[in-house]
Amino acid sequence: MNVISLQNIEKSYGTRLLFKEVSMTFTTEKRLGLVGINGTGKSTFL
């Protein structure tokens, strides 16, 4: 079962493009871990 579906999302910070045309689907059957050092945009991504 799909819980969240994102399609063609884009995020910029000022003039810096962080990501573009990202699509993903989150389901109840899978787990996702988002890891990275401080200041890399994990919270912004969420």
PDB file of N, CA and C in Angstrom:
ATOM      1  N   MET A   1       0.841  -1.182   0.000  1.00  0.00           N
ATOM      2  CA  MET A   1       0.000   0.000   0.000  1.00  0.00           C
ATOM      3  C   MET A   1       0.886   1.245   0.000  1.00  0.00           C
ATOM      4  N   ASN A   2       0.647   2.177  -0.908  1.00  0.00           N
ATOM      5  CA  ASN A   2       1.380   3.437  -0.951  1.00  0.00           C
ATOM      6  C   ASN A   2       0.861   4.365   0.135  1.00  0.00           C
ATOM      7  N   VAL A   3       1.775   4.933   0.892  1.00  0.00           N
ATOM      8  CA  VAL A   3       1.416   5.880   1.937  1.00  0.00           C
ATOM      9  C   VAL A   3       1.654   7.305   1.459  1.00  0.00           C
ATOM     10  N   ILE A   4       2.821   7.536   0.861  1.00  0.00           N
ATOM     11  CA  ILE A   4       3.179   8.861   0.342  1.00  0.00           C
ATOM     12  C   ILE A   4       3.822   8.683  -1.028  1.00  0.00           C
ATOM     13  N   SER A   5       3.419   9.502  -1.975  1.00  0.00           N
ATOM     14  CA  SER A   5       4.022   9.484  -3.302  1.00  0.00           C
ATOM     15  C   SER A   5       4.414  10.907  -3.678  1.00  0.00           C
ATOM     16  N   LEU A   6       5.673  11.102  -4.031  1.00  0.00           N
ATOM     17  CA  LEU A   6       6.194  12.405  -4.442  1.00  0.00           C
ATOM     18  C   LEU A   6       6.657  12.295  -5.883  1.00  0.00           C
ATOM     19  N   GLN A   7       6.329  13.301  -6.686  1.00  0.00           N
ATOM     20  CA  GLN A   7       6.731  13.257  -8.087  1.00  0.00           C
ATOM     21  C   GLN A   7       7.299  14.602  -8.522  1.00  0.00           C
ATOM     22  N   ASN A   8       8.474  14.536  -9.148  1.00  0.00           N
ATOM     23  CA  ASN A   8       9.135  15.707  -9.737  1.00  0.00           C
ATOM     24  C   ASN A   8       9.300  16.860  -8.755  1.00  0.00           C
ATOM     25  N   ILE A   9       9.782  16.558  -7.542  1.00  0.00           N
ATOM     26  CA  ILE A   9       9.992  17.628  -6.576  1.00  0.00           C
ATOM     27  C   ILE A   9      11.346  18.283  -6.813  1.00  0.00           C
ATOM     28  N   GLU A  10      11.452  19.523  -6.374  1.00  0.00           N
ATOM     29  CA  GLU A  10      12.657  20.321  -6.574  1.00  0.00           C
ATOM     30  C   GLU A  10      12.856  21.180  -5.340  1.00  0.00           C
ATOM     31  N   LYS A  11      14.110  21.356  -4.908  1.00  0.00           N
ATOM     32  CA  LYS A  11      14.411  22.189  -3.752  1.00  0.00           C
ATOM     33  C   LYS A  11      15.663  23.002  -4.015  1.00  0.00           C
ATOM     34  N   SER A  12      15.563  24.290  -3.729  1.00  0.00           N
ATOM     35  CA  SER A  12      16.707  25.196  -3.837  1.00  0.00           C
ATOM     36  C   SER A  12      16.913  25.880  -2.501  1.00  0.00           C
ATOM     37  N   TYR A  13      18.146  26.252  -2.240  1.00  0.00           N
ATOM     38  CA  TYR A  13      18.494  27.044  -1.070  1.00  0.00           C
ATOM     39  C   TYR A  13      19.194  28.277  -1.602  1.00  0.00           C
ATOM     40  N   GLY A  14      18.457  29.389  -1.634  1.00  0.00           N
ATOM     41  CA  GLY A  14      18.977  30.578  -2.304  1.00  0.00           C
ATOM     42  C   GLY A  14      19.061  30.302  -3.795  1.00  0.00           C
ATOM     43  N   THR A  15      20.230  30.503  -4.368  1.00  0.00           N
ATOM     44  CA  THR A  15      20.415  30.217  -5.798  1.00  0.00           C
ATOM     45  C   THR A  15      20.974  28.820  -6.045  1.00  0.00           C
ATOM     46  N   ARG A  16      21.248  28.095  -4.964  1.00  0.00           N
ATOM     47  CA  ARG A  16      21.844  26.757  -5.091  1.00  0.00           C
ATOM     48  C   ARG A  16      20.750  25.692  -5.204  1.00  0.00           C
ATOM     49  N   LEU A  17      20.746  24.966  -6.302  1.00  0.00           N
ATOM     50  CA  LEU A  17      19.792  23.886  -6.520  1.00  0.00           C
ATOM     51  C   LEU A  17      20.269  22.647  -5.764  1.00  0.00           C
ATOM     52  N   LEU A  18      19.449  22.167  -4.830  1.00  0.00           N
ATOM     53  CA  LEU A  18      19.821  20.995  -4.041  1.00  0.00           C
ATOM     54  C   LEU A  18      19.432  19.697  -4.728  1.00  0.00           C
ATOM     55  N   PHE A  19      18.221  19.634  -5.267  1.00  0.00           N
ATOM     56  CA  PHE A  19      17.811  18.486  -6.062  1.00  0.00           C
ATOM     57  C   PHE A  19      16.680  18.877  -6.985  1.00  0.00           C
ATOM     58  N   LYS A  20      16.531  18.133  -8.078  1.00  0.00           N
ATOM     59  CA  LYS A  20      15.544  18.457  -9.107  1.00  0.00           C
ATOM     60  C   LYS A  20      14.994  17.170  -9.706  1.00  0.00           C
ATOM     61  N   GLU A  21      13.702  17.180 -10.011  1.00  0.00           N
ATOM     62  CA  GLU A  21      13.019  16.050 -10.647  1.00  0.00           C
ATOM     63  C   GLU A  21      13.198  14.748  -9.871  1.00  0.00           C
ATOM     64  N   VAL A  22      13.038  14.826  -8.550  1.00  0.00           N
ATOM     65  CA  VAL A  22      13.128  13.644  -7.698  1.00  0.00           C
ATOM     66  C   VAL A  22      11.728  13.090  -7.493  1.00  0.00           C
ATOM     67  N   SER A  23      11.568  11.800  -7.718  1.00  0.00           N
ATOM     68  CA  SER A  23      10.287  11.128  -7.504  1.00  0.00           C
ATOM     69  C   SER A  23      10.516   9.906  -6.635  1.00  0.00           C
ATOM     70  N   MET A  24       9.589   9.637  -5.719  1.00  0.00           N
ATOM     71  CA  MET A  24       9.693   8.453  -4.873  1.00  0.00           C
ATOM     72  C   MET A  24       8.340   8.109  -4.285  1.00  0.00           C
ATOM     73  N   THR A  25       8.200   6.865  -3.896  1.00  0.00           N
ATOM     74  CA  THR A  25       6.986   6.391  -3.256  1.00  0.00           C
ATOM     75  C   THR A  25       7.371   5.651  -1.986  1.00  0.00           C
ATOM     76  N   PHE A  26       6.716   5.989  -0.891  1.00  0.00           N
ATOM     77  CA  PHE A  26       6.943   5.328   0.385  1.00  0.00           C
ATOM     78  C   PHE A  26       5.776   4.387   0.649  1.00  0.00           C
ATOM     79  N   THR A  27       6.094   3.183   1.070  1.00  0.00           N
ATOM     80  CA  THR A  27       5.059   2.188   1.341  1.00  0.00           C
ATOM     81  C   THR A  27       5.136   1.742   2.799  1.00  0.00           C
ATOM     82  N   THR A  28       4.101   1.059   3.245  1.00  0.00           N
ATOM     83  CA  THR A  28       4.092   0.560   4.620  1.00  0.00           C
ATOM     84  C   THR A  28       4.964  -0.677   4.780  1.00  0.00           C
ATOM     85  N   GLU A  29       5.345  -1.322   3.689  1.00  0.00           N
ATOM     86  CA  GLU A  29       6.129  -2.549   3.757  1.00  0.00           C
ATOM     87  C   GLU A  29       7.634  -2.310   3.833  1.00  0.00           C
ATOM     88  N   LYS A  30       8.098  -1.093   3.619  1.00  0.00           N
ATOM     89  CA  LYS A  30       9.534  -0.821   3.566  1.00  0.00           C
ATOM     90  C   LYS A  30       9.915   0.265   4.561  1.00  0.00           C
ATOM     91  N   ARG A  31      11.187   0.260   4.928  1.00  0.00           N
ATOM     92  CA  ARG A  31      11.729   1.290   5.809  1.00  0.00           C
ATOM     93  C   ARG A  31      12.786   2.070   5.042  1.00  0.00           C
ATOM     94  N   LEU A  32      12.912   3.325   5.387  1.00  0.00           N
ATOM     95  CA  LEU A  32      13.878   4.196   4.730  1.00  0.00           C
ATOM     96  C   LEU A  32      14.711   4.883   5.791  1.00  0.00           C
ATOM     97  N   GLY A  33      16.005   4.880   5.601  1.00  0.00           N
ATOM     98  CA  GLY A  33      16.904   5.600   6.484  1.00  0.00           C
ATOM     99  C   GLY A  33      17.558   6.740   5.719  1.00  0.00           C
ATOM    100  N   LEU A  34      17.565   7.908   6.324  1.00  0.00           N
ATOM    101  CA  LEU A  34      18.174   9.078   5.699  1.00  0.00           C
ATOM    102  C   LEU A  34      19.314   9.531   6.602  1.00  0.00           C
ATOM    103  N   VAL A  35      20.545   9.353   6.154  1.00  0.00           N
ATOM    104  CA  VAL A  35      21.709   9.657   6.978  1.00  0.00           C
ATOM    105  C   VAL A  35      22.620  10.651   6.266  1.00  0.00           C
ATOM    106  N   GLY A  36      23.375  11.387   7.054  1.00  0.00           N
ATOM    107  CA  GLY A  36      24.330  12.341   6.500  1.00  0.00           C
ATOM    108  C   GLY A  36      24.879  13.223   7.601  1.00  0.00           C
ATOM    109  N   ILE A  37      25.933  13.940   7.303  1.00  0.00           N
ATOM    110  CA  ILE A  37      26.532  14.823   8.298  1.00  0.00           C
ATOM    111  C   ILE A  37      25.655  16.054   8.505  1.00  0.00           C
ATOM    112  N   ASN A  38      25.927  16.780   9.567  1.00  0.00           N
ATOM    113  CA  ASN A  38      25.166  17.993   9.881  1.00  0.00           C
ATOM    114  C   ASN A  38      25.231  18.990   8.732  1.00  0.00           C
ATOM    115  N   GLY A  39      24.081  19.611   8.450  1.00  0.00           N
ATOM    116  CA  GLY A  39      24.035  20.661   7.444  1.00  0.00           C
ATOM    117  C   GLY A  39      23.905  20.188   6.014  1.00  0.00           C
ATOM    118  N   THR A  40      23.601  18.923   5.791  1.00  0.00           N
ATOM    119  CA  THR A  40      23.512  18.422   4.419  1.00  0.00           C
ATOM    120  C   THR A  40      22.103  18.426   3.853  1.00  0.00           C
ATOM    121  N   GLY A  41      21.095  18.858   4.639  1.00  0.00           N
ATOM    122  CA  GLY A  41      19.739  19.005   4.115  1.00  0.00           C
ATOM    123  C   GLY A  41      18.783  17.862   4.405  1.00  0.00           C
ATOM    124  N   LYS A  42      19.087  17.032   5.407  1.00  0.00           N
ATOM    125  CA  LYS A  42      18.189  15.919   5.729  1.00  0.00           C
ATOM    126  C   LYS A  42      16.813  16.426   6.138  1.00  0.00           C
ATOM    127  N   SER A  43      16.753  17.380   7.024  1.00  0.00           N
ATOM    128  CA  SER A  43      15.465  17.932   7.476  1.00  0.00           C
ATOM    129  C   SER A  43      14.761  18.675   6.352  1.00  0.00           C
ATOM    130  N   THR A  44      15.497  19.389   5.550  1.00  0.00           N
ATOM    131  CA  THR A  44      14.909  20.081   4.401  1.00  0.00           C
ATOM    132  C   THR A  44      14.288  19.085   3.446  1.00  0.00           C
ATOM    133  N   PHE A  45      14.960  17.975   3.235  1.00  0.00           N
ATOM    134  CA  PHE A  45      14.446  16.934   2.356  1.00  0.00           C
ATOM    135  C   PHE A  45      13.113  16.400   2.864  1.00  0.00           C
ATOM    136  N   LEU A  46      13.009  16.208   4.181  1.00  0.00           N
ATOM    137  CA  LEU A  46      11.760  15.704   4.759  1.00  0.00           C
ATOM    138  C   LEU A  46      10.686  16.748   4.680  1.00  0.00           C
TER     139      LEU A  46
END
